[in-house]
Every structure is written in structure tokens, then in C-alpha cells.
Amino acid sequence: MFFALVWAVGLTFILLEGNLVSQFLFWTGGLDLTIILTAYIYLHSSSRHAGIFAFVQGLFLDIYSSGFEGLFVFLYLCSLATISVCSKFIHLSNPRGQVFVVGITWLVEKALFLAMVAALGAGMDIKGGISLTALIPMLITAMLTPIIFYFLDRLYVLVGGNATRDTVTYA
């Protein structure tokens, strides 16, 4: 029941991301709640469930965008691979680890996005490169991760889960 709610939040965010997030963040990278939810599912469920979640989120975004087919599936599965590799070295159950893993994952996803768009020849002009203001959404996404993990843990307890599955541990 709980993870169905997380899926619904993710799919709703995908639908509303273009309209709502662009009003609050001026760079097109934006807040990426999908990375945070994928990391949460990876931590609390399994890599298989997180992979299915990332695949469906990417497929849903590919269907509703006018970009290259399969691009976002590839990006979100690469994000899951980055979360998986980073979580081997950095504890994902620690708030600092959550910030670092999600921040690194955000950077990898956006770098792959720019590389894929340039490689596929979308006709986009990326002469200016990435400025330092482009890192503001990465910082926002990374800094909000422990807060969102905390709220998801509390929501899990409210839905009827066990209170011992707390994400925030101080190691």
C-alpha cells in the first residue's frame, strides 16, 4: 500500500513537473523528485523494485514528452546504477550520505542528458555550457533528500508500517 502511494507521488510529479517546477526554478534542470524516490525505494525495498520504478517513471516521461524515445528510461536506469554504485561506498541510511548520493546522481543524470542530446543531434545550442547557477537545483534536490526521506518514513508509519524502519540513523 505504501509503495503504491510513492509510485502515485512519482507519477503525479512527472505530470506536473514541467508546469510547477519551472515556475519556481529558473534553470531547466529543476528539482528531481524521481531520483529521491528511486533512492528511497532502493534503500527500503530492493534494487529490483527501484529498477522497475525507474523504468516506469522514465517510460511515463518518454510517453508524455516530445523528446527521443527511450531517453528518460535510459537516464533513470543510469540514475539507479549511480545510486547503486554510490551506496556501496557511502551509507544511504545516513543524512549526509543521502545528500551526497542524490547530488552525485543528479550530476550524472544531467551530464548524461546533455551528452545524449548532443550525440543524438537534437539541434540544441549548448555553447554556454553549464554555469554555476545550474548547480542550484542540484543543491536543492540534494538538501531536500533527508527531509523527504524523513516525511516518507513518517508516512510509512501512518499508513500502518513498522516504526523501526527509520531512514535517519546517525552512524
N, C-alpha and C. Protein backbone atom coordinates (compact mmCIF):
# COMPACT_ATOMS: atom_id res chain seq x y z
N MET A 1 0.82 -1.20 0.00
CA MET A 1 0.00 0.00 0.00
C MET A 1 0.86 1.27 0.00
N PHE A 2 1.90 1.24 0.84
CA PHE A 2 2.74 2.43 0.97
C PHE A 2 3.50 2.72 -0.32
N PHE A 3 4.10 1.69 -0.92
CA PHE A 3 4.88 1.93 -2.12
C PHE A 3 3.99 2.28 -3.32
N ALA A 4 2.74 1.88 -3.29
CA ALA A 4 1.80 2.33 -4.33
C ALA A 4 1.58 3.83 -4.20
N LEU A 5 1.57 4.32 -2.98
CA LEU A 5 1.45 5.76 -2.75
C LEU A 5 2.70 6.50 -3.24
N VAL A 6 3.87 5.91 -3.02
CA VAL A 6 5.11 6.51 -3.51
C VAL A 6 5.10 6.55 -5.03
N TRP A 7 4.63 5.48 -5.68
CA TRP A 7 4.52 5.45 -7.14
C TRP A 7 3.58 6.54 -7.63
N ALA A 8 2.44 6.71 -6.95
CA ALA A 8 1.48 7.73 -7.35
C ALA A 8 2.09 9.13 -7.21
N VAL A 9 2.84 9.36 -6.16
CA VAL A 9 3.51 10.66 -5.99
C VAL A 9 4.50 10.88 -7.13
N GLY A 10 5.26 9.86 -7.48
CA GLY A 10 6.23 9.98 -8.56
C GLY A 10 5.58 10.26 -9.90
N LEU A 11 4.52 9.54 -10.21
CA LEU A 11 3.83 9.76 -11.49
C LEU A 11 3.15 11.12 -11.54
N THR A 12 2.59 11.56 -10.42
CA THR A 12 1.99 12.88 -10.37
C THR A 12 3.05 13.97 -10.56
N PHE A 13 4.21 13.77 -9.96
CA PHE A 13 5.29 14.74 -10.12
C PHE A 13 5.74 14.82 -11.56
N ILE A 14 5.81 13.68 -12.24
CA ILE A 14 6.21 13.66 -13.65
C ILE A 14 5.24 14.49 -14.48
N LEU A 15 3.94 14.35 -14.19
CA LEU A 15 2.94 15.11 -14.95
C LEU A 15 3.01 16.60 -14.67
N LEU A 16 3.27 16.97 -13.42
CA LEU A 16 3.23 18.37 -13.04
C LEU A 16 4.59 19.06 -13.08
N GLU A 17 5.65 18.30 -13.34
CA GLU A 17 7.00 18.84 -13.26
C GLU A 17 7.21 20.02 -14.20
N GLY A 18 6.79 19.92 -15.43
CA GLY A 18 7.02 20.99 -16.39
C GLY A 18 6.30 22.27 -16.04
N ASN A 19 5.10 22.16 -15.50
CA ASN A 19 4.32 23.36 -15.18
C ASN A 19 4.70 24.00 -13.86
N LEU A 20 4.81 23.20 -12.82
CA LEU A 20 5.02 23.77 -11.49
C LEU A 20 6.47 24.07 -11.18
N VAL A 21 7.36 23.13 -11.50
CA VAL A 21 8.76 23.32 -11.12
C VAL A 21 9.39 24.46 -11.89
N SER A 22 9.02 24.63 -13.15
CA SER A 22 9.63 25.70 -13.95
C SER A 22 9.24 27.08 -13.43
N GLN A 23 8.17 27.19 -12.68
CA GLN A 23 7.79 28.47 -12.11
C GLN A 23 8.66 28.84 -10.91
N PHE A 24 9.20 27.82 -10.23
CA PHE A 24 9.99 28.07 -9.03
C PHE A 24 11.49 28.03 -9.28
N LEU A 25 11.93 27.24 -10.24
CA LEU A 25 13.35 27.15 -10.56
C LEU A 25 13.54 27.62 -11.99
N PHE A 26 14.50 28.51 -12.18
CA PHE A 26 14.67 29.15 -13.47
C PHE A 26 15.48 28.32 -14.46
N TRP A 27 16.26 27.37 -13.96
CA TRP A 27 17.03 26.53 -14.88
C TRP A 27 16.22 25.30 -15.22
N THR A 28 16.36 24.78 -16.41
CA THR A 28 15.51 23.69 -16.86
C THR A 28 15.82 22.36 -16.18
N GLY A 29 16.92 22.27 -15.45
CA GLY A 29 17.24 21.03 -14.76
C GLY A 29 16.24 20.71 -13.69
N GLY A 30 15.87 21.68 -12.90
CA GLY A 30 14.82 21.56 -11.92
C GLY A 30 15.06 20.57 -10.80
N LEU A 31 14.16 20.56 -9.87
CA LEU A 31 14.14 19.61 -8.78
C LEU A 31 13.79 18.25 -9.33
N ASP A 32 14.53 17.22 -8.95
CA ASP A 32 14.27 15.89 -9.48
C ASP A 32 13.82 14.97 -8.36
N LEU A 33 12.52 14.94 -8.13
CA LEU A 33 11.95 14.09 -7.10
C LEU A 33 12.07 12.63 -7.46
N THR A 34 12.16 12.30 -8.73
CA THR A 34 12.26 10.90 -9.16
C THR A 34 13.54 10.27 -8.64
N ILE A 35 14.63 11.00 -8.64
CA ILE A 35 15.89 10.47 -8.10
C ILE A 35 15.74 10.19 -6.60
N ILE A 36 15.11 11.11 -5.89
CA ILE A 36 14.93 10.94 -4.45
C ILE A 36 14.06 9.72 -4.16
N LEU A 37 12.96 9.58 -4.90
CA LEU A 37 12.07 8.44 -4.68
C LEU A 37 12.74 7.12 -5.08
N THR A 38 13.54 7.15 -6.13
CA THR A 38 14.26 5.94 -6.53
C THR A 38 15.25 5.53 -5.44
N ALA A 39 15.96 6.51 -4.87
CA ALA A 39 16.91 6.21 -3.79
C ALA A 39 16.16 5.68 -2.56
N TYR A 40 15.00 6.24 -2.27
CA TYR A 40 14.22 5.78 -1.12
C TYR A 40 13.75 4.33 -1.32
N ILE A 41 13.24 4.04 -2.51
CA ILE A 41 12.80 2.67 -2.79
C ILE A 41 13.99 1.73 -2.79
N TYR A 42 15.13 2.17 -3.32
CA TYR A 42 16.34 1.33 -3.31
C TYR A 42 16.75 1.01 -1.88
N LEU A 43 16.67 1.98 -0.99
CA LEU A 43 17.08 1.78 0.40
C LEU A 43 16.10 0.89 1.15
N HIS A 44 14.80 1.09 0.96
CA HIS A 44 13.81 0.42 1.79
C HIS A 44 13.18 -0.81 1.18
N SER A 45 13.28 -0.99 -0.10
CA SER A 45 12.65 -2.16 -0.71
C SER A 45 13.73 -3.06 -1.29
N SER A 46 14.04 -2.90 -2.54
CA SER A 46 15.11 -3.68 -3.16
C SER A 46 15.54 -2.98 -4.44
N SER A 47 16.65 -3.43 -4.97
CA SER A 47 17.12 -2.84 -6.22
C SER A 47 16.20 -3.19 -7.37
N ARG A 48 15.56 -4.35 -7.30
CA ARG A 48 14.61 -4.75 -8.34
C ARG A 48 13.40 -3.82 -8.36
N HIS A 49 12.85 -3.53 -7.20
CA HIS A 49 11.70 -2.61 -7.14
C HIS A 49 12.09 -1.20 -7.57
N ALA A 50 13.28 -0.79 -7.18
CA ALA A 50 13.75 0.54 -7.60
C ALA A 50 13.98 0.57 -9.11
N GLY A 51 14.46 -0.52 -9.68
CA GLY A 51 14.65 -0.59 -11.13
C GLY A 51 13.34 -0.52 -11.88
N ILE A 52 12.34 -1.24 -11.38
CA ILE A 52 11.02 -1.19 -12.02
C ILE A 52 10.44 0.22 -11.90
N PHE A 53 10.61 0.84 -10.74
CA PHE A 53 10.13 2.20 -10.54
C PHE A 53 10.82 3.16 -11.50
N ALA A 54 12.14 3.07 -11.62
CA ALA A 54 12.89 3.96 -12.51
C ALA A 54 12.48 3.73 -13.96
N PHE A 55 12.29 2.48 -14.34
CA PHE A 55 11.89 2.17 -15.71
C PHE A 55 10.52 2.76 -16.03
N VAL A 56 9.57 2.57 -15.13
CA VAL A 56 8.21 3.06 -15.37
C VAL A 56 8.18 4.59 -15.36
N GLN A 57 8.94 5.22 -14.46
CA GLN A 57 9.00 6.68 -14.45
C GLN A 57 9.57 7.21 -15.76
N GLY A 58 10.65 6.58 -16.23
CA GLY A 58 11.24 7.00 -17.49
C GLY A 58 10.32 6.76 -18.67
N LEU A 59 9.64 5.63 -18.67
CA LEU A 59 8.70 5.32 -19.74
C LEU A 59 7.54 6.31 -19.75
N PHE A 60 7.05 6.63 -18.58
CA PHE A 60 5.96 7.59 -18.45
C PHE A 60 6.39 8.96 -18.95
N LEU A 61 7.61 9.36 -18.60
CA LEU A 61 8.11 10.66 -19.06
C LEU A 61 8.37 10.64 -20.56
N ASP A 62 8.84 9.53 -21.10
CA ASP A 62 9.05 9.42 -22.55
C ASP A 62 7.73 9.51 -23.31
N ILE A 63 6.70 8.92 -22.75
CA ILE A 63 5.39 8.95 -23.42
C ILE A 63 4.84 10.37 -23.47
N TYR A 64 5.00 11.12 -22.37
CA TYR A 64 4.41 12.45 -22.30
C TYR A 64 5.33 13.58 -22.72
N SER A 65 6.53 13.26 -23.17
CA SER A 65 7.41 14.30 -23.68
C SER A 65 7.57 14.13 -25.18
N SER A 66 8.08 15.15 -25.80
CA SER A 66 8.25 15.07 -27.25
C SER A 66 9.71 14.82 -27.62
N GLY A 67 10.47 14.29 -26.67
CA GLY A 67 11.89 14.04 -26.90
C GLY A 67 12.13 12.70 -27.57
N PHE A 68 13.37 12.27 -27.48
CA PHE A 68 13.76 11.00 -28.06
C PHE A 68 13.15 9.85 -27.26
N GLU A 69 12.66 8.85 -27.95
CA GLU A 69 12.04 7.71 -27.27
C GLU A 69 13.11 6.88 -26.58
N GLY A 70 12.89 6.59 -25.33
CA GLY A 70 13.82 5.79 -24.55
C GLY A 70 14.88 6.59 -23.83
N LEU A 71 14.93 7.89 -24.06
CA LEU A 71 15.97 8.71 -23.44
C LEU A 71 15.83 8.73 -21.92
N PHE A 72 14.63 8.98 -21.43
CA PHE A 72 14.45 9.09 -19.99
C PHE A 72 14.47 7.74 -19.30
N VAL A 73 14.08 6.68 -20.00
CA VAL A 73 14.25 5.34 -19.44
C VAL A 73 15.73 5.08 -19.21
N PHE A 74 16.55 5.41 -20.21
CA PHE A 74 17.99 5.26 -20.09
C PHE A 74 18.54 6.10 -18.95
N LEU A 75 18.11 7.35 -18.86
CA LEU A 75 18.63 8.26 -17.83
C LEU A 75 18.26 7.79 -16.42
N TYR A 76 17.02 7.37 -16.23
CA TYR A 76 16.61 6.94 -14.89
C TYR A 76 17.23 5.60 -14.50
N LEU A 77 17.45 4.72 -15.47
CA LEU A 77 18.15 3.47 -15.15
C LEU A 77 19.63 3.74 -14.86
N CYS A 78 20.22 4.71 -15.54
CA CYS A 78 21.60 5.12 -15.20
C CYS A 78 21.63 5.78 -13.82
N SER A 79 20.58 6.49 -13.48
CA SER A 79 20.49 7.08 -12.14
C SER A 79 20.44 5.99 -11.08
N LEU A 80 19.68 4.94 -11.35
CA LEU A 80 19.62 3.81 -10.41
C LEU A 80 20.99 3.15 -10.29
N ALA A 81 21.69 2.99 -11.41
CA ALA A 81 23.04 2.41 -11.36
C ALA A 81 23.98 3.29 -10.54
N THR A 82 23.84 4.60 -10.68
CA THR A 82 24.68 5.52 -9.91
C THR A 82 24.35 5.42 -8.42
N ILE A 83 23.08 5.33 -8.10
CA ILE A 83 22.67 5.17 -6.69
C ILE A 83 23.23 3.86 -6.15
N SER A 84 23.16 2.82 -6.93
CA SER A 84 23.65 1.52 -6.50
C SER A 84 25.16 1.53 -6.26
N VAL A 85 25.91 2.11 -7.18
CA VAL A 85 27.37 2.16 -7.02
C VAL A 85 27.75 3.08 -5.87
N CYS A 86 27.13 4.23 -5.78
CA CYS A 86 27.47 5.17 -4.70
C CYS A 86 27.11 4.62 -3.33
N SER A 87 26.01 3.88 -3.24
CA SER A 87 25.59 3.36 -1.94
C SER A 87 26.50 2.24 -1.45
N LYS A 88 27.37 1.72 -2.31
CA LYS A 88 28.36 0.74 -1.87
C LYS A 88 29.46 1.42 -1.06
N PHE A 89 29.71 2.69 -1.32
CA PHE A 89 30.78 3.42 -0.66
C PHE A 89 30.29 4.44 0.35
N ILE A 90 29.07 4.94 0.15
CA ILE A 90 28.50 5.97 1.02
C ILE A 90 27.20 5.42 1.59
N HIS A 91 27.03 5.52 2.89
CA HIS A 91 25.83 4.98 3.54
C HIS A 91 24.61 5.80 3.15
N LEU A 92 23.66 5.15 2.53
CA LEU A 92 22.44 5.82 2.11
C LEU A 92 21.47 6.02 3.28
N SER A 93 21.71 5.33 4.38
CA SER A 93 20.83 5.49 5.53
C SER A 93 21.22 6.68 6.40
N ASN A 94 22.34 7.30 6.11
CA ASN A 94 22.82 8.47 6.83
C ASN A 94 22.38 9.73 6.06
N PRO A 95 21.92 10.78 6.73
CA PRO A 95 21.50 12.01 6.01
C PRO A 95 22.61 12.60 5.13
N ARG A 96 23.85 12.61 5.61
CA ARG A 96 24.95 13.11 4.78
C ARG A 96 25.14 12.22 3.55
N GLY A 97 25.01 10.93 3.73
CA GLY A 97 25.12 10.00 2.62
C GLY A 97 24.01 10.20 1.61
N GLN A 98 22.82 10.49 2.09
CA GLN A 98 21.69 10.75 1.21
C GLN A 98 21.95 11.98 0.35
N VAL A 99 22.48 13.01 0.97
CA VAL A 99 22.78 14.25 0.24
C VAL A 99 23.83 13.98 -0.83
N PHE A 100 24.90 13.28 -0.46
CA PHE A 100 25.96 13.02 -1.43
C PHE A 100 25.53 12.10 -2.56
N VAL A 101 24.82 11.03 -2.22
CA VAL A 101 24.40 10.07 -3.25
C VAL A 101 23.43 10.72 -4.23
N VAL A 102 22.45 11.45 -3.73
CA VAL A 102 21.48 12.09 -4.61
C VAL A 102 22.14 13.23 -5.40
N GLY A 103 23.05 13.96 -4.80
CA GLY A 103 23.76 15.02 -5.52
C GLY A 103 24.61 14.47 -6.66
N ILE A 104 25.35 13.41 -6.39
CA ILE A 104 26.16 12.78 -7.43
C ILE A 104 25.27 12.21 -8.52
N THR A 105 24.18 11.58 -8.13
CA THR A 105 23.25 11.01 -9.11
C THR A 105 22.65 12.09 -9.98
N TRP A 106 22.30 13.23 -9.39
CA TRP A 106 21.75 14.34 -10.16
C TRP A 106 22.76 14.83 -11.19
N LEU A 107 24.01 14.99 -10.76
CA LEU A 107 25.06 15.44 -11.68
C LEU A 107 25.27 14.45 -12.83
N VAL A 108 25.30 13.17 -12.51
CA VAL A 108 25.49 12.15 -13.56
C VAL A 108 24.32 12.16 -14.53
N GLU A 109 23.11 12.25 -14.00
CA GLU A 109 21.93 12.25 -14.88
C GLU A 109 21.93 13.45 -15.82
N LYS A 110 22.22 14.63 -15.30
CA LYS A 110 22.21 15.83 -16.16
C LYS A 110 23.36 15.81 -17.16
N ALA A 111 24.53 15.29 -16.75
CA ALA A 111 25.65 15.19 -17.69
C ALA A 111 25.32 14.19 -18.80
N LEU A 112 24.70 13.07 -18.45
CA LEU A 112 24.29 12.10 -19.47
C LEU A 112 23.21 12.68 -20.38
N PHE A 113 22.31 13.47 -19.80
CA PHE A 113 21.27 14.09 -20.61
C PHE A 113 21.87 15.02 -21.66
N LEU A 114 22.79 15.87 -21.21
CA LEU A 114 23.44 16.79 -22.16
C LEU A 114 24.25 16.03 -23.20
N ALA A 115 24.94 14.96 -22.79
CA ALA A 115 25.72 14.16 -23.73
C ALA A 115 24.82 13.45 -24.74
N MET A 116 23.70 12.93 -24.28
CA MET A 116 22.79 12.22 -25.18
C MET A 116 22.11 13.18 -26.15
N VAL A 117 21.74 14.34 -25.68
CA VAL A 117 21.11 15.32 -26.57
C VAL A 117 22.10 15.78 -27.62
N ALA A 118 23.36 15.99 -27.21
CA ALA A 118 24.38 16.40 -28.18
C ALA A 118 24.68 15.26 -29.16
N ALA A 119 24.71 14.02 -28.66
CA ALA A 119 25.04 12.88 -29.52
C ALA A 119 23.91 12.55 -30.49
N LEU A 120 22.69 12.73 -30.05
CA LEU A 120 21.55 12.40 -30.91
C LEU A 120 21.22 13.54 -31.87
N GLY A 121 21.89 14.65 -31.74
CA GLY A 121 21.73 15.74 -32.68
C GLY A 121 20.37 16.39 -32.64
N ALA A 122 19.99 16.87 -31.48
CA ALA A 122 18.68 17.49 -31.34
C ALA A 122 18.66 18.91 -31.88
N GLY A 123 19.78 19.41 -32.31
CA GLY A 123 19.83 20.77 -32.84
C GLY A 123 19.84 21.82 -31.75
N MET A 124 20.14 21.42 -30.53
CA MET A 124 20.20 22.37 -29.43
C MET A 124 21.57 23.01 -29.39
N ASP A 125 21.61 24.28 -29.09
CA ASP A 125 22.87 25.00 -29.00
C ASP A 125 23.28 25.08 -27.53
N ILE A 126 24.35 24.40 -27.18
CA ILE A 126 24.81 24.38 -25.79
C ILE A 126 26.19 25.03 -25.73
N LYS A 127 26.33 26.19 -26.31
CA LYS A 127 27.62 26.87 -26.35
C LYS A 127 28.01 27.40 -24.97
N GLY A 128 27.04 27.87 -24.24
CA GLY A 128 27.35 28.47 -22.95
C GLY A 128 27.79 27.47 -21.90
N GLY A 129 27.48 26.20 -22.10
CA GLY A 129 27.84 25.19 -21.12
C GLY A 129 26.96 25.30 -19.89
N ILE A 130 27.47 24.78 -18.81
CA ILE A 130 26.73 24.80 -17.56
C ILE A 130 27.35 25.86 -16.66
N SER A 131 26.55 26.80 -16.25
CA SER A 131 27.04 27.84 -15.35
C SER A 131 26.87 27.38 -13.91
N LEU A 132 27.37 28.17 -12.99
CA LEU A 132 27.24 27.82 -11.59
C LEU A 132 25.80 27.90 -11.11
N THR A 133 24.96 28.69 -11.78
CA THR A 133 23.56 28.75 -11.38
C THR A 133 22.83 27.46 -11.71
N ALA A 134 23.42 26.64 -12.59
CA ALA A 134 22.81 25.36 -12.91
C ALA A 134 22.95 24.39 -11.75
N LEU A 135 23.87 24.65 -10.84
CA LEU A 135 24.06 23.76 -9.70
C LEU A 135 23.08 24.04 -8.57
N ILE A 136 22.34 25.12 -8.65
CA ILE A 136 21.36 25.43 -7.61
C ILE A 136 20.28 24.36 -7.51
N PRO A 137 19.69 23.88 -8.63
CA PRO A 137 18.71 22.79 -8.49
C PRO A 137 19.33 21.51 -7.92
N MET A 138 20.61 21.25 -8.22
CA MET A 138 21.28 20.07 -7.64
C MET A 138 21.38 20.22 -6.13
N LEU A 139 21.75 21.40 -5.67
CA LEU A 139 21.85 21.62 -4.24
C LEU A 139 20.49 21.52 -3.57
N ILE A 140 19.47 22.06 -4.21
CA ILE A 140 18.12 21.98 -3.65
C ILE A 140 17.65 20.53 -3.58
N THR A 141 17.87 19.79 -4.66
CA THR A 141 17.46 18.38 -4.68
C THR A 141 18.22 17.59 -3.61
N ALA A 142 19.52 17.80 -3.52
CA ALA A 142 20.32 17.05 -2.56
C ALA A 142 19.97 17.42 -1.12
N MET A 143 19.79 18.71 -0.86
CA MET A 143 19.50 19.15 0.51
C MET A 143 18.09 18.76 0.97
N LEU A 144 17.16 18.63 0.04
CA LEU A 144 15.80 18.22 0.41
C LEU A 144 15.68 16.72 0.62
N THR A 145 16.68 15.95 0.22
CA THR A 145 16.58 14.50 0.30
C THR A 145 16.36 13.98 1.72
N PRO A 146 17.15 14.37 2.74
CA PRO A 146 16.87 13.86 4.08
C PRO A 146 15.50 14.26 4.61
N ILE A 147 15.04 15.44 4.24
CA ILE A 147 13.72 15.90 4.68
C ILE A 147 12.63 15.05 4.05
N ILE A 148 12.76 14.78 2.76
CA ILE A 148 11.76 13.95 2.07
C ILE A 148 11.81 12.52 2.57
N PHE A 149 13.01 11.99 2.82
CA PHE A 149 13.13 10.65 3.40
C PHE A 149 12.44 10.59 4.76
N TYR A 150 12.63 11.62 5.58
CA TYR A 150 12.00 11.67 6.89
C TYR A 150 10.48 11.67 6.77
N PHE A 151 9.94 12.51 5.87
CA PHE A 151 8.49 12.55 5.69
C PHE A 151 7.95 11.23 5.14
N LEU A 152 8.69 10.59 4.25
CA LEU A 152 8.26 9.29 3.74
C LEU A 152 8.29 8.23 4.84
N ASP A 153 9.27 8.30 5.73
CA ASP A 153 9.29 7.37 6.87
C ASP A 153 8.10 7.59 7.78
N ARG A 154 7.78 8.86 8.07
CA ARG A 154 6.62 9.14 8.91
C ARG A 154 5.33 8.72 8.23
N LEU A 155 5.24 8.92 6.91
CA LEU A 155 4.06 8.49 6.16
C LEU A 155 3.93 6.97 6.20
N TYR A 156 5.06 6.28 6.14
CA TYR A 156 5.04 4.82 6.22
C TYR A 156 4.47 4.36 7.55
N VAL A 157 4.84 5.04 8.63
CA VAL A 157 4.32 4.70 9.94
C VAL A 157 2.83 5.00 10.01
N LEU A 158 2.39 6.11 9.43
CA LEU A 158 0.96 6.47 9.45
C LEU A 158 0.11 5.48 8.66
N VAL A 159 0.66 4.98 7.56
CA VAL A 159 -0.08 4.04 6.72
C VAL A 159 -0.22 2.70 7.42
N GLY A 160 0.63 2.42 8.40
CA GLY A 160 0.49 1.17 9.14
C GLY A 160 1.73 0.32 9.12
N GLY A 161 2.84 0.92 8.77
CA GLY A 161 4.09 0.18 8.74
C GLY A 161 4.72 0.10 10.11
N ASN A 162 5.86 -0.51 10.17
CA ASN A 162 6.60 -0.68 11.41
C ASN A 162 7.48 0.55 11.64
N ALA A 163 7.49 1.05 12.86
CA ALA A 163 8.23 2.27 13.17
C ALA A 163 9.74 2.06 13.20
N THR A 164 10.22 0.81 13.15
CA THR A 164 11.65 0.57 13.23
C THR A 164 12.36 0.81 11.91
N ARG A 165 11.63 1.04 10.82
CA ARG A 165 12.25 1.28 9.52
C ARG A 165 12.59 2.74 9.32
N ASP A 166 13.31 3.28 10.26
CA ASP A 166 13.65 4.70 10.19
C ASP A 166 14.85 4.91 9.29
N THR A 167 14.77 5.88 8.40
CA THR A 167 15.85 6.16 7.47
C THR A 167 16.99 6.89 8.14
N VAL A 168 16.67 7.80 9.03
CA VAL A 168 17.68 8.66 9.61
C VAL A 168 18.38 7.91 10.74
N THR A 169 19.61 7.53 10.49
CA THR A 169 20.45 6.93 11.52
C THR A 169 21.72 7.76 11.61
N TYR A 170 22.25 7.82 12.77
CA TYR A 170 23.46 8.62 12.98
C TYR A 170 24.61 7.66 13.27
N ALA A 171 25.36 7.37 12.23
CA ALA A 171 26.46 6.42 12.38
C ALA A 171 27.78 7.16 12.49
